[in-house]
Structure formats: C-alpha cells, structure tokens
Amino acid sequence: MKWNLVSDSTCDFKPGDITGENITFSMVPLTVTAGGKDFVDLPETSVDEMLAAHKASKLPSTSSCPSPEMWAEKFRQGDATLAFTITGGLSGSYNSALVGRDIVLSEDPDKKIHVVDTRGTAGSLVLGLRRAKMLIETGMSFEEVEREIETYMDGTHLLFSLTCFDNLIRTGRMSRIAGIMAGSLGIRPVAKNNERGAIDLIAKPRGELAAVKYIVKTMGELKKLEGRPVIVSHCKNEKSAKLLAAMIHDELGTSDITIMEMRILNSYYALPGGLIITF
C-alpha cells in the first residue's frame, strides 16, 4: 500500500523532510497577499520580502487557504492518505481538505483518506506527521493509524507569544478587546490554543524573558515532557528560540527539541519576534 502524507503549508517542514519506504510527503500552499502581490507559501518564497511588503503597504494584507481541488490533486496520488491542516477554528483549510477528500472518494471509493484538524499550526503539524510516519513504519493498518493519530493529537498543546497581534485582530482571529490588552506597552502576552482550536490569552508577562519563563512553567504544568518532542518555531527570533529551547531542556528534562523557522503564513500572523511552541 502506498502511503500519502499531506499537509498545508503552515507546517514548518520542507518537502523531503519526511521520507520512507512506500511513504510520500507533499504540501498544499496557503497564500498571503501583501502590497498587491501574492506570496504563495512555498519553500522558495521569501519571508523577508513578504514582511517588507506587508509593512510598506497602505492596503490591507490578506491570507487565503488552498482550494478543494488543490487538496484533491494531492489525495489522488496515494492509496492511503493522512492529511494535516492548521486549526479549523481559525482557517478554512480544514474544511477545504474535507471537500477535496469527498471529491476524490466520489471518483475512487476504494481510496482511504483521513483529514486531521490539528487545532494548532506550525509544530502541531510537524508532530503529527512525525508520529504518522512512525506508526506507518510499525505496519499498522490505515484504520489503526487513523485512531492512534487522533488520540495523539488530542494530547498535544500549543503556546505562543507575539510582539504584535495586529494581523490576528484585523482578520477576526482574535477579539479586539483581548488584542488591545495584549498590546499594552511592555507586555509580552502568552496565549494557547483551546479545545476548539481558537485562541485563549492566558498571561500578560512584562518583557520577553518573563514570557519565556512563563511558557516553560506552563509547559511543565500541562504535560510531563521528559524525553518527549517539542517544536519551537520562530519568526526572525532565533536568539529567543534558542534561549527557550535551553530552558526547556534544563527544566523539563527533554533533549528532543527542534527549532524551526516559520514559513510565510505563520510569519504573516506571528510577525517578527513571534514564538510558537508545540509539544
């Protein structure tokens, strides 16, 4: 059986990062439109150029999810497909993937396709894909992998801290009141995904170091992390990502920590300085 792993481009992987016998991996891109130019979320698309266009533009920037047909094109390429999307609570990517699934199953009912709403972004998809590859390589059936993946994703968490919430507020992904509170002078808020995949503001530390310390403390309260994987994603903030990774290692007892640079879509919402932690 040919396994087909697919994600949207909010995953911080690059094509080729997931390989295996009888396993293929591909991505479906989202798009950011800034300064009148479309920045398709592909590995070769410049995050710096997108951020500069967004900052300079007097016109509102926007983002758009993949079409159902873009998903369907990927789903046709395998016998058994697992697809991972950014949270359906904030994006149409998940629903678009479901429509794409239905299109392909109407053409070929023998195909097996399962779409996973990660209720997160960035490292949430990385964790899901890594776990899926591991489960597939144990020889599990499609139905077993499907069940195990959903259970695994239910146990994952996402925390994030941004210097600016403007794009989340303007696009309705965060309430204006919460955003104004978060944007107070000197405050470096920490937020998390909730069970619906939406955003909950959970703390308002003063300064980035205080935010990093709060994140590590909260991670330890949410999950026993000894030996478990953690993804630290950043937008132009490698220094703080490394500091956070070191504190996670020292205080929470795991060395399985991967630092990744955000791609186009996540960088558009996180903006420079943003950190997303998934575990």
C-alpha atoms as a PDB file:
ATOM      1  CA  MET A   1       0.000   0.000   0.000  1.00  0.00           C
ATOM      2  CA  LYS A   2       1.319   3.433  -0.964  1.00  0.00           C
ATOM      3  CA  TRP A   3       1.022   5.869   1.944  1.00  0.00           C
ATOM      4  CA  ASN A   4       0.497   9.526   1.188  1.00  0.00           C
ATOM      5  CA  LEU A   5       1.192  12.150   3.869  1.00  0.00           C
ATOM      6  CA  VAL A   6      -0.033  15.658   3.055  1.00  0.00           C
ATOM      7  CA  SER A   7      -0.109  18.912   4.989  1.00  0.00           C
ATOM      8  CA  ASP A   8      -0.928  22.500   4.324  1.00  0.00           C
ATOM      9  CA  SER A   9       1.975  24.935   4.347  1.00  0.00           C
ATOM     10  CA  THR A  10       1.536  26.053   7.949  1.00  0.00           C
ATOM     11  CA  CYS A  11       3.740  23.040   8.685  1.00  0.00           C
ATOM     12  CA  ASP A  12       7.352  24.140   9.161  1.00  0.00           C
ATOM     13  CA  PHE A  13       8.697  21.141   7.243  1.00  0.00           C
ATOM     14  CA  LYS A  14      10.157  21.315   3.772  1.00  0.00           C
ATOM     15  CA  PRO A  15       9.442  18.733   1.066  1.00  0.00           C
ATOM     16  CA  GLY A  16      11.913  15.913   1.642  1.00  0.00           C
ATOM     17  CA  ASP A  17      11.844  16.212   5.438  1.00  0.00           C
ATOM     18  CA  ILE A  18       9.547  13.165   5.623  1.00  0.00           C
ATOM     19  CA  THR A  19      10.707  10.165   3.636  1.00  0.00           C
ATOM     20  CA  GLY A  20      10.271   6.431   3.919  1.00  0.00           C
ATOM     21  CA  GLU A  21       9.630   3.256   2.015  1.00  0.00           C
ATOM     22  CA  ASN A  22       6.184   3.499   0.389  1.00  0.00           C
ATOM     23  CA  ILE A  23       5.653   6.915   2.025  1.00  0.00           C
ATOM     24  CA  THR A  24       5.419  10.191   0.108  1.00  0.00           C
ATOM     25  CA  PHE A  25       5.043  13.648   1.603  1.00  0.00           C
ATOM     26  CA  SER A  26       3.783  16.819  -0.051  1.00  0.00           C
ATOM     27  CA  MET A  27       2.315  20.197   0.885  1.00  0.00           C
ATOM     28  CA  VAL A  28      -0.606  22.311  -0.245  1.00  0.00           C
ATOM     29  CA  PRO A  29       0.230  26.046  -0.028  1.00  0.00           C
ATOM     30  CA  LEU A  30      -1.733  28.860   1.519  1.00  0.00           C
ATOM     31  CA  THR A  31      -1.248  32.381   0.161  1.00  0.00           C
ATOM     32  CA  VAL A  32      -0.604  35.791   1.712  1.00  0.00           C
ATOM     33  CA  THR A  33      -1.413  38.859  -0.373  1.00  0.00           C
ATOM     34  CA  ALA A  34       0.577  41.923   0.699  1.00  0.00           C
ATOM     35  CA  GLY A  35       1.280  45.134  -1.173  1.00  0.00           C
ATOM     36  CA  GLY A  36      -0.728  43.877  -4.129  1.00  0.00           C
ATOM     37  CA  LYS A  37       1.476  40.788  -4.544  1.00  0.00           C
ATOM     38  CA  ASP A  38       0.604  37.149  -3.871  1.00  0.00           C
ATOM     39  CA  PHE A  39       3.132  35.306  -1.718  1.00  0.00           C
ATOM     40  CA  VAL A  40       2.398  31.619  -2.231  1.00  0.00           C
ATOM     41  CA  ASP A  41       3.641  29.690   0.803  1.00  0.00           C
ATOM     42  CA  LEU A  42       6.348  27.652  -0.889  1.00  0.00           C
ATOM     43  CA  PRO A  43       9.869  26.900   0.443  1.00  0.00           C
ATOM     44  CA  GLU A  44      11.440  29.274  -2.063  1.00  0.00           C
ATOM     45  CA  THR A  45       9.141  32.218  -1.222  1.00  0.00           C
ATOM     46  CA  SER A  46      10.937  34.919   0.768  1.00  0.00           C
ATOM     47  CA  VAL A  47       9.539  35.597   4.229  1.00  0.00           C
ATOM     48  CA  ASP A  48      11.618  38.795   4.395  1.00  0.00           C
ATOM     49  CA  GLU A  49      10.094  40.066   1.161  1.00  0.00           C
ATOM     50  CA  MET A  50       6.562  39.272   2.330  1.00  0.00           C
ATOM     51  CA  LEU A  51       7.084  41.015   5.677  1.00  0.00           C
ATOM     52  CA  ALA A  52       8.559  44.076   3.956  1.00  0.00           C
ATOM     53  CA  ALA A  53       5.637  44.262   1.511  1.00  0.00           C
ATOM     54  CA  HIS A  54       3.156  43.933   4.366  1.00  0.00           C
ATOM     55  CA  LYS A  55       4.855  46.674   6.383  1.00  0.00           C
ATOM     56  CA  ALA A  56       5.085  49.077   3.453  1.00  0.00           C
ATOM     57  CA  SER A  57       1.609  48.554   2.038  1.00  0.00           C
ATOM     58  CA  LYS A  58      -1.194  51.024   2.642  1.00  0.00           C
ATOM     59  CA  LEU A  59      -3.673  48.358   1.543  1.00  0.00           C
ATOM     60  CA  PRO A  60      -4.911  45.624   3.912  1.00  0.00           C
ATOM     61  CA  SER A  61      -2.998  42.362   3.602  1.00  0.00           C
ATOM     62  CA  THR A  62      -4.952  39.121   3.423  1.00  0.00           C
ATOM     63  CA  SER A  63      -4.455  35.364   3.573  1.00  0.00           C
ATOM     64  CA  SER A  64      -6.269  32.598   1.728  1.00  0.00           C
ATOM     65  CA  CYS A  65      -6.474  28.845   2.164  1.00  0.00           C
ATOM     66  CA  PRO A  66      -5.930  26.159  -0.500  1.00  0.00           C
ATOM     67  CA  SER A  67      -8.849  25.283  -2.773  1.00  0.00           C
ATOM     68  CA  PRO A  68     -10.531  21.854  -2.506  1.00  0.00           C
ATOM     69  CA  GLU A  69      -9.087  20.931  -5.897  1.00  0.00           C
ATOM     70  CA  MET A  70      -5.547  21.623  -4.665  1.00  0.00           C
ATOM     71  CA  TRP A  71      -6.131  19.109  -1.871  1.00  0.00           C
ATOM     72  CA  ALA A  72      -7.826  16.654  -4.225  1.00  0.00           C
ATOM     73  CA  GLU A  73      -4.807  16.719  -6.550  1.00  0.00           C
ATOM     74  CA  LYS A  74      -2.610  15.506  -3.678  1.00  0.00           C
ATOM     75  CA  PHE A  75      -5.139  12.950  -2.431  1.00  0.00           C
ATOM     76  CA  ARG A  76      -5.241  11.249  -5.834  1.00  0.00           C
ATOM     77  CA  GLN A  77      -1.552  10.376  -5.517  1.00  0.00           C
ATOM     78  CA  GLY A  78      -1.785   7.650  -2.857  1.00  0.00           C
ATOM     79  CA  ASP A  79      -3.754   4.599  -1.798  1.00  0.00           C
ATOM     80  CA  ALA A  80      -3.939   5.676   1.850  1.00  0.00           C
ATOM     81  CA  THR A  81      -3.725   9.370   2.733  1.00  0.00           C
ATOM     82  CA  LEU A  82      -3.366  11.208   6.017  1.00  0.00           C
ATOM     83  CA  ALA A  83      -3.704  14.983   5.730  1.00  0.00           C
ATOM     84  CA  PHE A  84      -2.856  17.520   8.438  1.00  0.00           C
ATOM     85  CA  THR A  85      -4.220  21.065   8.498  1.00  0.00           C
ATOM     86  CA  ILE A  86      -3.956  24.244  10.511  1.00  0.00           C
ATOM     87  CA  THR A  87      -6.728  24.581  13.082  1.00  0.00           C
ATOM     88  CA  GLY A  88     -10.199  24.628  11.592  1.00  0.00           C
ATOM     89  CA  GLY A  89     -11.103  27.100  14.316  1.00  0.00           C
ATOM     90  CA  LEU A  90      -9.156  29.874  12.566  1.00  0.00           C
ATOM     91  CA  SER A  91      -8.787  28.812   8.934  1.00  0.00           C
ATOM     92  CA  GLY A  92     -10.812  27.312   6.100  1.00  0.00           C
ATOM     93  CA  SER A  93      -8.005  24.914   5.181  1.00  0.00           C
ATOM     94  CA  TYR A  94      -9.537  22.001   7.113  1.00  0.00           C
ATOM     95  CA  ASN A  95     -12.972  22.348   5.510  1.00  0.00           C
ATOM     96  CA  SER A  96     -11.377  22.751   2.095  1.00  0.00           C
ATOM     97  CA  ALA A  97      -9.455  19.498   2.646  1.00  0.00           C
ATOM     98  CA  LEU A  98     -12.688  17.717   3.598  1.00  0.00           C
ATOM     99  CA  VAL A  99     -14.310  18.843   0.345  1.00  0.00           C
ATOM    100  CA  GLY A 100     -11.215  17.705  -1.555  1.00  0.00           C
ATOM    101  CA  ARG A 101     -11.451  14.329   0.180  1.00  0.00           C
ATOM    102  CA  ASP A 102     -15.087  13.944  -0.835  1.00  0.00           C
ATOM    103  CA  ILE A 103     -14.266  14.809  -4.452  1.00  0.00           C
ATOM    104  CA  VAL A 104     -11.611  12.077  -4.638  1.00  0.00           C
ATOM    105  CA  LEU A 105     -13.705   9.461  -2.836  1.00  0.00           C
ATOM    106  CA  SER A 106     -16.546  10.091  -5.280  1.00  0.00           C
ATOM    107  CA  GLU A 107     -14.077   9.308  -8.086  1.00  0.00           C
ATOM    108  CA  ASP A 108     -12.489   6.301  -6.375  1.00  0.00           C
ATOM    109  CA  PRO A 109     -14.357   4.929  -3.328  1.00  0.00           C
ATOM    110  CA  ASP A 110     -11.568   2.423  -2.633  1.00  0.00           C
ATOM    111  CA  LYS A 111      -9.103   5.118  -1.606  1.00  0.00           C
ATOM    112  CA  LYS A 112      -8.567   5.732   2.088  1.00  0.00           C
ATOM    113  CA  ILE A 113      -8.334   9.389   3.159  1.00  0.00           C
ATOM    114  CA  HIS A 114      -8.376  10.872   6.649  1.00  0.00           C
ATOM    115  CA  VAL A 115      -8.061  14.602   7.356  1.00  0.00           C
ATOM    116  CA  VAL A 116      -6.699  15.677  10.752  1.00  0.00           C
ATOM    117  CA  ASP A 117      -7.622  19.060  12.216  1.00  0.00           C
ATOM    118  CA  THR A 118      -4.544  19.664  14.377  1.00  0.00           C
ATOM    119  CA  ARG A 119      -6.315  22.512  16.226  1.00  0.00           C
ATOM    120  CA  GLY A 120      -2.921  24.202  16.025  1.00  0.00           C
ATOM    121  CA  THR A 121      -0.339  25.314  13.492  1.00  0.00           C
ATOM    122  CA  ALA A 122       3.411  25.176  12.807  1.00  0.00           C
ATOM    123  CA  GLY A 123       4.856  22.450  15.059  1.00  0.00           C
ATOM    124  CA  SER A 124       1.426  20.869  15.583  1.00  0.00           C
ATOM    125  CA  LEU A 125       1.601  19.579  12.016  1.00  0.00           C
ATOM    126  CA  VAL A 126       5.261  18.590  12.400  1.00  0.00           C
ATOM    127  CA  LEU A 127       4.461  16.473  15.462  1.00  0.00           C
ATOM    128  CA  GLY A 128       1.509  14.846  13.709  1.00  0.00           C
ATOM    129  CA  LEU A 129       3.486  13.980  10.594  1.00  0.00           C
ATOM    130  CA  ARG A 130       6.407  12.554  12.554  1.00  0.00           C
ATOM    131  CA  ARG A 131       4.040  10.415  14.599  1.00  0.00           C
ATOM    132  CA  ALA A 132       2.189   9.233  11.495  1.00  0.00           C
ATOM    133  CA  LYS A 133       5.430   8.132   9.837  1.00  0.00           C
ATOM    134  CA  MET A 134       6.428   6.195  12.958  1.00  0.00           C
ATOM    135  CA  LEU A 135       3.052   4.454  13.168  1.00  0.00           C
ATOM    136  CA  ILE A 136       3.056   3.573   9.476  1.00  0.00           C
ATOM    137  CA  GLU A 137       6.502   2.017   9.787  1.00  0.00           C
ATOM    138  CA  THR A 138       5.262  -0.307  12.544  1.00  0.00           C
ATOM    139  CA  GLY A 139       2.985  -1.939   9.970  1.00  0.00           C
ATOM    140  CA  MET A 140      -0.327  -0.721  11.390  1.00  0.00           C
ATOM    141  CA  SER A 141      -3.434  -0.739   9.216  1.00  0.00           C
ATOM    142  CA  PHE A 142      -4.900   2.524   7.946  1.00  0.00           C
ATOM    143  CA  GLU A 143      -7.718   2.368  10.486  1.00  0.00           C
ATOM    144  CA  GLU A 144      -5.272   1.771  13.345  1.00  0.00           C
ATOM    145  CA  VAL A 145      -3.071   4.682  12.295  1.00  0.00           C
ATOM    146  CA  GLU A 146      -6.136   6.899  11.946  1.00  0.00           C
ATOM    147  CA  ARG A 147      -7.261   6.151  15.515  1.00  0.00           C
ATOM    148  CA  GLU A 148      -3.781   6.479  17.004  1.00  0.00           C
ATOM    149  CA  ILE A 149      -3.141   9.819  15.299  1.00  0.00           C
ATOM    150  CA  GLU A 150      -6.359  11.359  16.582  1.00  0.00           C
ATOM    151  CA  THR A 151      -5.553  10.197  20.121  1.00  0.00           C
ATOM    152  CA  TYR A 152      -2.023  11.553  19.842  1.00  0.00           C
ATOM    153  CA  MET A 153      -3.145  14.942  18.536  1.00  0.00           C
ATOM    154  CA  ASP A 154      -5.665  15.237  21.374  1.00  0.00           C
ATOM    155  CA  GLY A 155      -2.690  15.126  23.745  1.00  0.00           C
ATOM    156  CA  THR A 156      -0.689  17.889  22.069  1.00  0.00           C
ATOM    157  CA  HIS A 157      -0.561  21.527  23.178  1.00  0.00           C
ATOM    158  CA  LEU A 158       0.360  24.854  21.622  1.00  0.00           C
ATOM    159  CA  LEU A 159       1.550  28.020  23.356  1.00  0.00           C
ATOM    160  CA  PHE A 160       2.641  31.220  21.665  1.00  0.00           C
ATOM    161  CA  SER A 161       3.929  34.681  22.402  1.00  0.00           C
ATOM    162  CA  LEU A 162       3.959  37.563  19.925  1.00  0.00           C
ATOM    163  CA  THR A 163       5.208  41.122  19.926  1.00  0.00           C
ATOM    164  CA  CYS A 164       2.233  42.250  17.827  1.00  0.00           C
ATOM    165  CA  PHE A 165      -1.286  40.840  17.427  1.00  0.00           C
ATOM    166  CA  ASP A 166      -2.433  43.260  14.709  1.00  0.00           C
ATOM    167  CA  ASN A 167      -2.982  40.711  11.933  1.00  0.00           C
ATOM    168  CA  LEU A 168      -4.814  38.292  14.215  1.00  0.00           C
ATOM    169  CA  ILE A 169      -7.117  41.092  15.383  1.00  0.00           C
ATOM    170  CA  ARG A 170      -7.717  42.638  11.963  1.00  0.00           C
ATOM    171  CA  THR A 171      -8.697  39.298  10.407  1.00  0.00           C
ATOM    172  CA  GLY A 172     -11.057  38.429  13.265  1.00  0.00           C
ATOM    173  CA  ARG A 173      -8.932  35.565  14.602  1.00  0.00           C
ATOM    174  CA  MET A 174      -8.578  37.292  17.967  1.00  0.00           C
ATOM    175  CA  SER A 175     -11.011  39.627  19.696  1.00  0.00           C
ATOM    176  CA  ARG A 176     -10.165  43.319  19.559  1.00  0.00           C
ATOM    177  CA  ILE A 177     -10.521  43.688  23.332  1.00  0.00           C
ATOM    178  CA  ALA A 178      -8.103  40.838  24.025  1.00  0.00           C
ATOM    179  CA  GLY A 179      -5.750  42.230  21.418  1.00  0.00           C
ATOM    180  CA  ILE A 180      -5.736  45.700  22.948  1.00  0.00           C
ATOM    181  CA  MET A 181      -4.994  44.195  26.366  1.00  0.00           C
ATOM    182  CA  ALA A 182      -2.235  42.075  24.842  1.00  0.00           C
ATOM    183  CA  GLY A 183      -0.687  45.060  23.102  1.00  0.00           C
ATOM    184  CA  SER A 184      -0.163  47.157  26.239  1.00  0.00           C
ATOM    185  CA  LEU A 185       3.256  48.802  26.466  1.00  0.00           C
ATOM    186  CA  GLY A 186       5.947  46.424  27.706  1.00  0.00           C
ATOM    187  CA  ILE A 187       3.594  43.432  27.841  1.00  0.00           C
ATOM    188  CA  ARG A 188       4.646  40.211  26.077  1.00  0.00           C
ATOM    189  CA  PRO A 189       1.430  38.127  26.215  1.00  0.00           C
ATOM    190  CA  VAL A 190       1.272  34.340  26.223  1.00  0.00           C
ATOM    191  CA  ALA A 191      -1.663  32.572  24.588  1.00  0.00           C
ATOM    192  CA  LYS A 192      -2.690  28.993  23.872  1.00  0.00           C
ATOM    193  CA  ASN A 193      -4.973  27.032  21.600  1.00  0.00           C
ATOM    194  CA  ASN A 194      -8.157  25.796  23.233  1.00  0.00           C
ATOM    195  CA  GLU A 195     -10.121  22.606  22.586  1.00  0.00           C
ATOM    196  CA  ARG A 196     -11.827  24.267  19.589  1.00  0.00           C
ATOM    197  CA  GLY A 197      -8.510  25.354  18.116  1.00  0.00           C
ATOM    198  CA  ALA A 198      -9.223  29.009  18.825  1.00  0.00           C
ATOM    199  CA  ILE A 199      -7.045  31.436  20.818  1.00  0.00           C
ATOM    200  CA  ASP A 200      -7.134  31.964  24.589  1.00  0.00           C
ATOM    201  CA  LEU A 201      -4.975  34.693  26.138  1.00  0.00           C
ATOM    202  CA  ILE A 202      -3.622  33.173  29.374  1.00  0.00           C
ATOM    203  CA  ALA A 203      -0.999  35.597  30.750  1.00  0.00           C
ATOM    204  CA  LYS A 204       0.464  39.073  30.302  1.00  0.00           C
ATOM    205  CA  PRO A 205       4.098  38.908  31.445  1.00  0.00           C
ATOM    206  CA  ARG A 206       6.146  42.085  31.211  1.00  0.00           C
ATOM    207  CA  GLY A 207       9.003  41.540  28.783  1.00  0.00           C
ATOM    208  CA  GLU A 208      10.171  38.632  26.636  1.00  0.00           C
ATOM    209  CA  LEU A 209      12.266  36.903  29.301  1.00  0.00           C
ATOM    210  CA  ALA A 210       9.277  36.798  31.650  1.00  0.00           C
ATOM    211  CA  ALA A 211       7.165  35.384  28.812  1.00  0.00           C
ATOM    212  CA  VAL A 212       9.726  32.661  28.083  1.00  0.00           C
ATOM    213  CA  LYS A 213       9.838  31.687  31.760  1.00  0.00           C
ATOM    214  CA  TYR A 214       6.049  31.580  31.909  1.00  0.00           C
ATOM    215  CA  ILE A 215       5.902  29.364  28.815  1.00  0.00           C
ATOM    216  CA  VAL A 216       8.335  26.844  30.318  1.00  0.00           C
ATOM    217  CA  LYS A 217       6.420  26.817  33.617  1.00  0.00           C
ATOM    218  CA  THR A 218       3.101  26.278  31.816  1.00  0.00           C
ATOM    219  CA  MET A 219       4.518  23.504  29.650  1.00  0.00           C
ATOM    220  CA  GLY A 220       5.552  21.611  32.769  1.00  0.00           C
ATOM    221  CA  GLU A 221       2.074  22.022  34.235  1.00  0.00           C
ATOM    222  CA  LEU A 222       0.325  20.798  31.091  1.00  0.00           C
ATOM    223  CA  LYS A 223       2.401  17.729  30.306  1.00  0.00           C
ATOM    224  CA  LYS A 224       5.205  15.533  31.588  1.00  0.00           C
ATOM    225  CA  LEU A 225       7.805  16.251  28.929  1.00  0.00           C
ATOM    226  CA  GLU A 226      10.769  14.099  29.905  1.00  0.00           C
ATOM    227  CA  GLY A 227      12.042  12.589  26.658  1.00  0.00           C
ATOM    228  CA  ARG A 228       9.099  13.880  24.614  1.00  0.00           C
ATOM    229  CA  PRO A 229       9.322  16.009  21.458  1.00  0.00           C
ATOM    230  CA  VAL A 230       8.998  19.784  21.468  1.00  0.00           C
ATOM    231  CA  ILE A 231       8.939  22.114  18.463  1.00  0.00           C
ATOM    232  CA  VAL A 232       9.983  25.752  18.887  1.00  0.00           C
ATOM    233  CA  SER A 233       9.040  27.827  15.837  1.00  0.00           C
ATOM    234  CA  HIS A 234      10.107  31.437  15.450  1.00  0.00           C
ATOM    235  CA  CYS A 235       9.729  34.407  13.140  1.00  0.00           C
ATOM    236  CA  LYS A 236      13.072  36.202  12.960  1.00  0.00           C
ATOM    237  CA  ASN A 237      13.768  35.463  16.627  1.00  0.00           C
ATOM    238  CA  GLU A 238      16.373  32.708  16.714  1.00  0.00           C
ATOM    239  CA  LYS A 239      18.034  34.108  19.843  1.00  0.00           C
ATOM    240  CA  SER A 240      14.908  33.758  21.971  1.00  0.00           C
ATOM    241  CA  ALA A 241      14.059  30.405  20.387  1.00  0.00           C
ATOM    242  CA  LYS A 242      17.462  29.072  21.471  1.00  0.00           C
ATOM    243  CA  LEU A 243      17.020  30.509  24.967  1.00  0.00           C
ATOM    244  CA  LEU A 244      13.612  28.889  25.241  1.00  0.00           C
ATOM    245  CA  ALA A 245      14.948  25.546  23.988  1.00  0.00           C
ATOM    246  CA  ALA A 246      17.770  25.639  26.549  1.00  0.00           C
ATOM    247  CA  MET A 247      15.357  26.342  29.395  1.00  0.00           C
ATOM    248  CA  ILE A 248      13.030  23.542  28.270  1.00  0.00           C
ATOM    249  CA  HIS A 249      15.994  21.162  28.196  1.00  0.00           C
ATOM    250  CA  ASP A 250      17.275  22.173  31.618  1.00  0.00           C
ATOM    251  CA  GLU A 251      13.977  22.458  33.477  1.00  0.00           C
ATOM    252  CA  LEU A 252      11.687  19.924  31.779  1.00  0.00           C
ATOM    253  CA  GLY A 253      14.121  17.111  31.033  1.00  0.00           C
ATOM    254  CA  THR A 254      13.803  16.624  27.303  1.00  0.00           C
ATOM    255  CA  SER A 255      16.514  16.919  24.673  1.00  0.00           C
ATOM    256  CA  ASP A 256      14.137  16.166  21.788  1.00  0.00           C
ATOM    257  CA  ILE A 257      13.739  19.832  20.861  1.00  0.00           C
ATOM    258  CA  THR A 258      13.646  21.127  17.291  1.00  0.00           C
ATOM    259  CA  ILE A 259      13.966  24.820  16.434  1.00  0.00           C
ATOM    260  CA  MET A 260      12.293  25.742  13.149  1.00  0.00           C
ATOM    261  CA  GLU A 261      11.797  28.944  11.169  1.00  0.00           C
ATOM    262  CA  MET A 262       8.216  29.871  10.373  1.00  0.00           C
ATOM    263  CA  ARG A 263       7.132  29.891   6.758  1.00  0.00           C
ATOM    264  CA  ILE A 264       5.034  32.537   5.002  1.00  0.00           C
ATOM    265  CA  LEU A 265       1.582  32.096   6.563  1.00  0.00           C
ATOM    266  CA  ASN A 266       2.717  31.698  10.164  1.00  0.00           C
ATOM    267  CA  SER A 267       5.180  34.579   9.783  1.00  0.00           C
ATOM    268  CA  TYR A 268       2.364  36.792   8.499  1.00  0.00           C
ATOM    269  CA  TYR A 269       0.370  36.272  11.688  1.00  0.00           C
ATOM    270  CA  ALA A 270       3.232  35.947  14.184  1.00  0.00           C
ATOM    271  CA  LEU A 271       5.286  38.832  12.730  1.00  0.00           C
ATOM    272  CA  PRO A 272       8.953  39.336  13.697  1.00  0.00           C
ATOM    273  CA  GLY A 273       9.701  38.226  17.240  1.00  0.00           C
ATOM    274  CA  GLY A 274       6.891  35.668  17.359  1.00  0.00           C
ATOM    275  CA  LEU A 275       7.353  32.286  19.047  1.00  0.00           C
ATOM    276  CA  ILE A 276       5.136  29.191  18.736  1.00  0.00           C
ATOM    277  CA  ILE A 277       5.790  26.177  20.950  1.00  0.00           C
ATOM    278  CA  THR A 278       4.132  22.811  20.372  1.00  0.00           C
ATOM    279  CA  PHE A 279       4.505  19.706  22.495  1.00  0.00           C
END
